[in-house]
Amino acid sequence: MRKIDLKVAVWKEGKYYVSQCLNVDISSFGKTKKEALGALDEALELYFEDIKIPKITKIEKPELVQLSICHV
């Protein structure tokens, strides 16, 4: 079994918490942070279960920045 370190972002969206892995395009949600992270852990286990050599984007130091765009 190989250990894989992943970066995860968690935020509140309405009445739920969303957890998203920044290294692979997988996310989940729950009523609490703990529940959201547990659901993400399960989703990641299922994702990696079928992949022999996973493609993982290396995320060194993510930075949260605000971006404003104009929408017509």
PDB file of N, CA and C in Angstrom:
ATOM      1  N   MET A   1       0.838  -1.175   0.000  1.00  0.00           N
ATOM      2  CA  MET A   1       0.000   0.000   0.000  1.00  0.00           C
ATOM      3  C   MET A   1       0.886   1.242   0.000  1.00  0.00           C
ATOM      4  N   ARG A   2       0.579   2.182  -0.850  1.00  0.00           N
ATOM      5  CA  ARG A   2       1.357   3.400  -1.014  1.00  0.00           C
ATOM      6  C   ARG A   2       0.637   4.582  -0.362  1.00  0.00           C
ATOM      7  N   LYS A   3       1.353   5.374   0.399  1.00  0.00           N
ATOM      8  CA  LYS A   3       0.780   6.566   1.028  1.00  0.00           C
ATOM      9  C   LYS A   3       0.829   7.717   0.027  1.00  0.00           C
ATOM     10  N   ILE A   4      -0.286   8.414  -0.121  1.00  0.00           N
ATOM     11  CA  ILE A   4      -0.371   9.558  -1.024  1.00  0.00           C
ATOM     12  C   ILE A   4      -0.830  10.764  -0.211  1.00  0.00           C
ATOM     13  N   ASP A   5      -0.039  11.820  -0.183  1.00  0.00           N
ATOM     14  CA  ASP A   5      -0.421  13.056   0.509  1.00  0.00           C
ATOM     15  C   ASP A   5      -1.182  13.945  -0.467  1.00  0.00           C
ATOM     16  N   LEU A   6      -2.349  14.390  -0.054  1.00  0.00           N
ATOM     17  CA  LEU A   6      -3.208  15.204  -0.916  1.00  0.00           C
ATOM     18  C   LEU A   6      -3.572  16.511  -0.228  1.00  0.00           C
ATOM     19  N   LYS A   7      -3.793  17.547  -1.020  1.00  0.00           N
ATOM     20  CA  LYS A   7      -4.258  18.839  -0.506  1.00  0.00           C
ATOM     21  C   LYS A   7      -5.769  18.905  -0.721  1.00  0.00           C
ATOM     22  N   VAL A   8      -6.476  19.304   0.335  1.00  0.00           N
ATOM     23  CA  VAL A   8      -7.937  19.344   0.294  1.00  0.00           C
ATOM     24  C   VAL A   8      -8.419  20.710   0.773  1.00  0.00           C
ATOM     25  N   ALA A   9      -9.413  21.248   0.089  1.00  0.00           N
ATOM     26  CA  ALA A   9     -10.057  22.495   0.503  1.00  0.00           C
ATOM     27  C   ALA A   9     -11.453  22.158   1.025  1.00  0.00           C
ATOM     28  N   VAL A  10     -11.866  22.833   2.098  1.00  0.00           N
ATOM     29  CA  VAL A  10     -13.203  22.632   2.669  1.00  0.00           C
ATOM     30  C   VAL A  10     -13.831  24.003   2.880  1.00  0.00           C
ATOM     31  N   TRP A  11     -15.086  24.145   2.487  1.00  0.00           N
ATOM     32  CA  TRP A  11     -15.793  25.402   2.691  1.00  0.00           C
ATOM     33  C   TRP A  11     -17.273  25.124   2.877  1.00  0.00           C
ATOM     34  N   LYS A  12     -17.956  26.109   3.456  1.00  0.00           N
ATOM     35  CA  LYS A  12     -19.397  25.978   3.680  1.00  0.00           C
ATOM     36  C   LYS A  12     -20.127  26.593   2.493  1.00  0.00           C
ATOM     37  N   GLU A  13     -21.099  25.840   1.985  1.00  0.00           N
ATOM     38  CA  GLU A  13     -21.906  26.293   0.852  1.00  0.00           C
ATOM     39  C   GLU A  13     -23.365  26.058   1.225  1.00  0.00           C
ATOM     40  N   GLY A  14     -24.050  27.117   1.602  1.00  0.00           N
ATOM     41  CA  GLY A  14     -25.421  26.950   2.097  1.00  0.00           C
ATOM     42  C   GLY A  14     -25.395  26.237   3.439  1.00  0.00           C
ATOM     43  N   LYS A  15     -26.160  25.154   3.557  1.00  0.00           N
ATOM     44  CA  LYS A  15     -26.183  24.423   4.828  1.00  0.00           C
ATOM     45  C   LYS A  15     -25.250  23.212   4.818  1.00  0.00           C
ATOM     46  N   TYR A  16     -24.465  23.040   3.765  1.00  0.00           N
ATOM     47  CA  TYR A  16     -23.539  21.907   3.661  1.00  0.00           C
ATOM     48  C   TYR A  16     -22.087  22.375   3.581  1.00  0.00           C
ATOM     49  N   TYR A  17     -21.188  21.474   3.943  1.00  0.00           N
ATOM     50  CA  TYR A  17     -19.762  21.695   3.743  1.00  0.00           C
ATOM     51  C   TYR A  17     -19.335  20.926   2.502  1.00  0.00           C
ATOM     52  N   VAL A  18     -18.497  21.540   1.702  1.00  0.00           N
ATOM     53  CA  VAL A  18     -17.962  20.917   0.487  1.00  0.00           C
ATOM     54  C   VAL A  18     -16.486  20.653   0.725  1.00  0.00           C
ATOM     55  N   SER A  19     -16.033  19.464   0.355  1.00  0.00           N
ATOM     56  CA  SER A  19     -14.609  19.130   0.447  1.00  0.00           C
ATOM     57  C   SER A  19     -14.140  18.759  -0.955  1.00  0.00           C
ATOM     58  N   GLN A  20     -13.036  19.342  -1.376  1.00  0.00           N
ATOM     59  CA  GLN A  20     -12.523  19.108  -2.726  1.00  0.00           C
ATOM     60  C   GLN A  20     -11.037  18.825  -2.676  1.00  0.00           C
ATOM     61  N   CYS A  21     -10.636  17.748  -3.318  1.00  0.00           N
ATOM     62  CA  CYS A  21      -9.219  17.422  -3.438  1.00  0.00           C
ATOM     63  C   CYS A  21      -8.639  18.254  -4.568  1.00  0.00           C
ATOM     64  N   LEU A  22      -7.571  18.979  -4.299  1.00  0.00           N
ATOM     65  CA  LEU A  22      -6.961  19.839  -5.301  1.00  0.00           C
ATOM     66  C   LEU A  22      -6.042  19.064  -6.244  1.00  0.00           C
ATOM     67  N   ASN A  23      -5.604  17.884  -5.845  1.00  0.00           N
ATOM     68  CA  ASN A  23      -4.669  17.097  -6.652  1.00  0.00           C
ATOM     69  C   ASN A  23      -5.366  16.300  -7.746  1.00  0.00           C
ATOM     70  N   VAL A  24      -6.576  15.841  -7.483  1.00  0.00           N
ATOM     71  CA  VAL A  24      -7.388  15.142  -8.471  1.00  0.00           C
ATOM     72  C   VAL A  24      -8.779  15.762  -8.440  1.00  0.00           C
ATOM     73  N   ASP A  25      -9.518  15.666  -9.507  1.00  0.00           N
ATOM     74  CA  ASP A  25     -10.810  16.342  -9.605  1.00  0.00           C
ATOM     75  C   ASP A  25     -11.911  15.521  -8.922  1.00  0.00           C
ATOM     76  N   ILE A  26     -11.857  15.462  -7.595  1.00  0.00           N
ATOM     77  CA  ILE A  26     -12.835  14.720  -6.798  1.00  0.00           C
ATOM     78  C   ILE A  26     -13.314  15.627  -5.673  1.00  0.00           C
ATOM     79  N   SER A  27     -14.621  15.647  -5.453  1.00  0.00           N
ATOM     80  CA  SER A  27     -15.162  16.424  -4.342  1.00  0.00           C
ATOM     81  C   SER A  27     -16.348  15.683  -3.737  1.00  0.00           C
ATOM     82  N   SER A  28     -16.760  16.126  -2.546  1.00  0.00           N
ATOM     83  CA  SER A  28     -17.909  15.544  -1.865  1.00  0.00           C
ATOM     84  C   SER A  28     -18.471  16.582  -0.911  1.00  0.00           C
ATOM     85  N   PHE A  29     -19.476  16.194  -0.126  1.00  0.00           N
ATOM     86  CA  PHE A  29     -20.082  17.160   0.797  1.00  0.00           C
ATOM     87  C   PHE A  29     -20.668  16.442   2.000  1.00  0.00           C
ATOM     88  N   GLY A  30     -21.026  17.228   3.013  1.00  0.00           N
ATOM     89  CA  GLY A  30     -21.654  16.691   4.210  1.00  0.00           C
ATOM     90  C   GLY A  30     -22.213  17.811   5.061  1.00  0.00           C
ATOM     91  N   LYS A  31     -22.967  17.449   6.081  1.00  0.00           N
ATOM     92  CA  LYS A  31     -23.572  18.451   6.963  1.00  0.00           C
ATOM     93  C   LYS A  31     -22.556  19.095   7.892  1.00  0.00           C
ATOM     94  N   THR A  32     -21.426  18.417   8.144  1.00  0.00           N
ATOM     95  CA  THR A  32     -20.346  18.952   8.968  1.00  0.00           C
ATOM     96  C   THR A  32     -19.035  18.815   8.190  1.00  0.00           C
ATOM     97  N   LYS A  33     -17.987  19.511   8.662  1.00  0.00           N
ATOM     98  CA  LYS A  33     -16.677  19.365   8.020  1.00  0.00           C
ATOM     99  C   LYS A  33     -16.212  17.917   8.095  1.00  0.00           C
ATOM    100  N   LYS A  34     -16.388  17.317   9.259  1.00  0.00           N
ATOM    101  CA  LYS A  34     -15.962  15.936   9.454  1.00  0.00           C
ATOM    102  C   LYS A  34     -16.686  14.991   8.491  1.00  0.00           C
ATOM    103  N   GLU A  35     -17.979  15.198   8.329  1.00  0.00           N
ATOM    104  CA  GLU A  35     -18.763  14.369   7.416  1.00  0.00           C
ATOM    105  C   GLU A  35     -18.318  14.587   5.967  1.00  0.00           C
ATOM    106  N   ALA A  36     -18.059  15.833   5.599  1.00  0.00           N
ATOM    107  CA  ALA A  36     -17.617  16.147   4.237  1.00  0.00           C
ATOM    108  C   ALA A  36     -16.258  15.515   3.947  1.00  0.00           C
ATOM    109  N   LEU A  37     -15.349  15.572   4.920  1.00  0.00           N
ATOM    110  CA  LEU A  37     -14.024  14.969   4.736  1.00  0.00           C
ATOM    111  C   LEU A  37     -14.105  13.445   4.694  1.00  0.00           C
ATOM    112  N   GLY A  38     -14.988  12.866   5.497  1.00  0.00           N
ATOM    113  CA  GLY A  38     -15.183  11.419   5.468  1.00  0.00           C
ATOM    114  C   GLY A  38     -15.733  10.951   4.133  1.00  0.00           C
ATOM    115  N   ALA A  39     -16.689  11.711   3.596  1.00  0.00           N
ATOM    116  CA  ALA A  39     -17.267  11.373   2.289  1.00  0.00           C
ATOM    117  C   ALA A  39     -16.214  11.521   1.187  1.00  0.00           C
ATOM    118  N   LEU A  40     -15.362  12.537   1.305  1.00  0.00           N
ATOM    119  CA  LEU A  40     -14.294  12.722   0.314  1.00  0.00           C
ATOM    120  C   LEU A  40     -13.291  11.574   0.403  1.00  0.00           C
ATOM    121  N   ASP A  41     -12.952  11.162   1.605  1.00  0.00           N
ATOM    122  CA  ASP A  41     -12.032  10.045   1.805  1.00  0.00           C
ATOM    123  C   ASP A  41     -12.570   8.785   1.111  1.00  0.00           C
ATOM    124  N   GLU A  42     -13.842   8.531   1.278  1.00  0.00           N
ATOM    125  CA  GLU A  42     -14.468   7.368   0.639  1.00  0.00           C
ATOM    126  C   GLU A  42     -14.447   7.498  -0.888  1.00  0.00           C
ATOM    127  N   ALA A  43     -14.761   8.692  -1.382  1.00  0.00           N
ATOM    128  CA  ALA A  43     -14.753   8.919  -2.830  1.00  0.00           C
ATOM    129  C   ALA A  43     -13.348   8.744  -3.407  1.00  0.00           C
ATOM    130  N   LEU A  44     -12.339   9.217  -2.687  1.00  0.00           N
ATOM    131  CA  LEU A  44     -10.953   9.072  -3.155  1.00  0.00           C
ATOM    132  C   LEU A  44     -10.516   7.610  -3.143  1.00  0.00           C
ATOM    133  N   GLU A  45     -10.925   6.863  -2.120  1.00  0.00           N
ATOM    134  CA  GLU A  45     -10.592   5.442  -2.077  1.00  0.00           C
ATOM    135  C   GLU A  45     -11.176   4.718  -3.286  1.00  0.00           C
ATOM    136  N   LEU A  46     -12.424   5.029  -3.629  1.00  0.00           N
ATOM    137  CA  LEU A  46     -13.054   4.418  -4.793  1.00  0.00           C
ATOM    138  C   LEU A  46     -12.364   4.840  -6.086  1.00  0.00           C
ATOM    139  N   TYR A  47     -11.963   6.113  -6.162  1.00  0.00           N
ATOM    140  CA  TYR A  47     -11.270   6.624  -7.348  1.00  0.00           C
ATOM    141  C   TYR A  47      -9.941   5.902  -7.564  1.00  0.00           C
ATOM    142  N   PHE A  48      -9.148   5.785  -6.502  1.00  0.00           N
ATOM    143  CA  PHE A  48      -7.826   5.181  -6.622  1.00  0.00           C
ATOM    144  C   PHE A  48      -7.874   3.653  -6.706  1.00  0.00           C
ATOM    145  N   GLU A  49      -8.998   3.059  -6.335  1.00  0.00           N
ATOM    146  CA  GLU A  49      -9.139   1.608  -6.351  1.00  0.00           C
ATOM    147  C   GLU A  49      -8.931   1.010  -7.745  1.00  0.00           C
ATOM    148  N   ASP A  50      -9.407   1.688  -8.778  1.00  0.00           N
ATOM    149  CA  ASP A  50      -9.354   1.160 -10.136  1.00  0.00           C
ATOM    150  C   ASP A  50      -8.185   1.680 -10.960  1.00  0.00           C
ATOM    151  N   ILE A  51      -7.339   2.507 -10.373  1.00  0.00           N
ATOM    152  CA  ILE A  51      -6.227   3.106 -11.125  1.00  0.00           C
ATOM    153  C   ILE A  51      -4.912   2.516 -10.633  1.00  0.00           C
ATOM    154  N   LYS A  52      -4.166   1.893 -11.544  1.00  0.00           N
ATOM    155  CA  LYS A  52      -2.886   1.293 -11.151  1.00  0.00           C
ATOM    156  C   LYS A  52      -1.818   2.358 -10.929  1.00  0.00           C
ATOM    157  N   ILE A  53      -1.719   3.318 -11.851  1.00  0.00           N
ATOM    158  CA  ILE A  53      -0.756   4.413 -11.724  1.00  0.00           C
ATOM    159  C   ILE A  53      -1.545   5.718 -11.811  1.00  0.00           C
ATOM    160  N   PRO A  54      -1.953   6.248 -10.657  1.00  0.00           N
ATOM    161  CA  PRO A  54      -2.778   7.459 -10.681  1.00  0.00           C
ATOM    162  C   PRO A  54      -1.998   8.692 -11.131  1.00  0.00           C
ATOM    163  N   LYS A  55      -2.700   9.566 -11.854  1.00  0.00           N
ATOM    164  CA  LYS A  55      -2.110  10.838 -12.248  1.00  0.00           C
ATOM    165  C   LYS A  55      -2.518  11.860 -11.187  1.00  0.00           C
ATOM    166  N   ILE A  56      -1.535  12.301 -10.417  1.00  0.00           N
ATOM    167  CA  ILE A  56      -1.790  13.224  -9.322  1.00  0.00           C
ATOM    168  C   ILE A  56      -1.028  14.515  -9.583  1.00  0.00           C
ATOM    169  N   THR A  57      -1.749  15.610  -9.642  1.00  0.00           N
ATOM    170  CA  THR A  57      -1.133  16.917  -9.796  1.00  0.00           C
ATOM    171  C   THR A  57      -0.512  17.314  -8.470  1.00  0.00           C
ATOM    172  N   LYS A  58       0.752  17.688  -8.492  1.00  0.00           N
ATOM    173  CA  LYS A  58       1.434  18.081  -7.258  1.00  0.00           C
ATOM    174  C   LYS A  58       1.073  19.529  -6.924  1.00  0.00           C
ATOM    175  N   ILE A  59       0.546  19.732  -5.748  1.00  0.00           N
ATOM    176  CA  ILE A  59       0.164  21.061  -5.268  1.00  0.00           C
ATOM    177  C   ILE A  59       1.096  21.410  -4.118  1.00  0.00           C
ATOM    178  N   GLU A  60       1.940  22.401  -4.303  1.00  0.00           N
ATOM    179  CA  GLU A  60       2.926  22.758  -3.273  1.00  0.00           C
ATOM    180  C   GLU A  60       2.338  23.647  -2.189  1.00  0.00           C
ATOM    181  N   LYS A  61       1.988  24.858  -2.546  1.00  0.00           N
ATOM    182  CA  LYS A  61       1.484  25.818  -1.560  1.00  0.00           C
ATOM    183  C   LYS A  61       0.282  26.544  -2.167  1.00  0.00           C
ATOM    184  N   PRO A  62      -0.906  25.961  -2.035  1.00  0.00           N
ATOM    185  CA  PRO A  62      -2.077  26.627  -2.619  1.00  0.00           C
ATOM    186  C   PRO A  62      -2.344  27.953  -1.905  1.00  0.00           C
ATOM    187  N   GLU A  63      -2.796  28.908  -2.661  1.00  0.00           N
ATOM    188  CA  GLU A  63      -3.100  30.223  -2.108  1.00  0.00           C
ATOM    189  C   GLU A  63      -4.519  30.579  -2.506  1.00  0.00           C
ATOM    190  N   LEU A  64      -5.310  31.034  -1.560  1.00  0.00           N
ATOM    191  CA  LEU A  64      -6.676  31.436  -1.827  1.00  0.00           C
ATOM    192  C   LEU A  64      -6.674  32.903  -2.221  1.00  0.00           C
ATOM    193  N   VAL A  65      -7.088  33.181  -3.454  1.00  0.00           N
ATOM    194  CA  VAL A  65      -7.137  34.558  -3.942  1.00  0.00           C
ATOM    195  C   VAL A  65      -8.520  34.839  -4.487  1.00  0.00           C
ATOM    196  N   GLN A  66      -8.895  36.096  -4.474  1.00  0.00           N
ATOM    197  CA  GLN A  66     -10.197  36.478  -5.009  1.00  0.00           C
ATOM    198  C   GLN A  66      -9.992  36.998  -6.427  1.00  0.00           C
ATOM    199  N   LEU A  67     -10.859  36.581  -7.323  1.00  0.00           N
ATOM    200  CA  LEU A  67     -10.799  37.001  -8.710  1.00  0.00           C
ATOM    201  C   LEU A  67     -12.148  37.567  -9.093  1.00  0.00           C
ATOM    202  N   SER A  68     -12.175  38.776  -9.614  1.00  0.00           N
ATOM    203  CA  SER A  68     -13.427  39.389 -10.050  1.00  0.00           C
ATOM    204  C   SER A  68     -13.458  39.399 -11.567  1.00  0.00           C
ATOM    205  N   ILE A  69     -14.597  38.998 -12.116  1.00  0.00           N
ATOM    206  CA  ILE A  69     -14.759  39.004 -13.569  1.00  0.00           C
ATOM    207  C   ILE A  69     -16.020  39.781 -13.916  1.00  0.00           C
ATOM    208  N   CYS A  70     -16.097  40.261 -15.140  1.00  0.00           N
ATOM    209  CA  CYS A  70     -17.289  40.932 -15.622  1.00  0.00           C
ATOM    210  C   CYS A  70     -18.114  39.936 -16.413  1.00  0.00           C
ATOM    211  N   HIS A  71     -19.380  39.853 -16.097  1.00  0.00           N
ATOM    212  CA  HIS A  71     -20.267  38.892 -16.759  1.00  0.00           C
ATOM    213  C   HIS A  71     -21.413  39.658 -17.387  1.00  0.00           C
ATOM    214  N   VAL A  72     -21.656  39.410 -18.652  1.00  0.00           N
ATOM    215  CA  VAL A  72     -22.756  40.108 -19.341  1.00  0.00           C
ATOM    216  C   VAL A  72     -23.948  39.218 -19.522  1.00  0.00           C
TER     217      VAL A  72
END
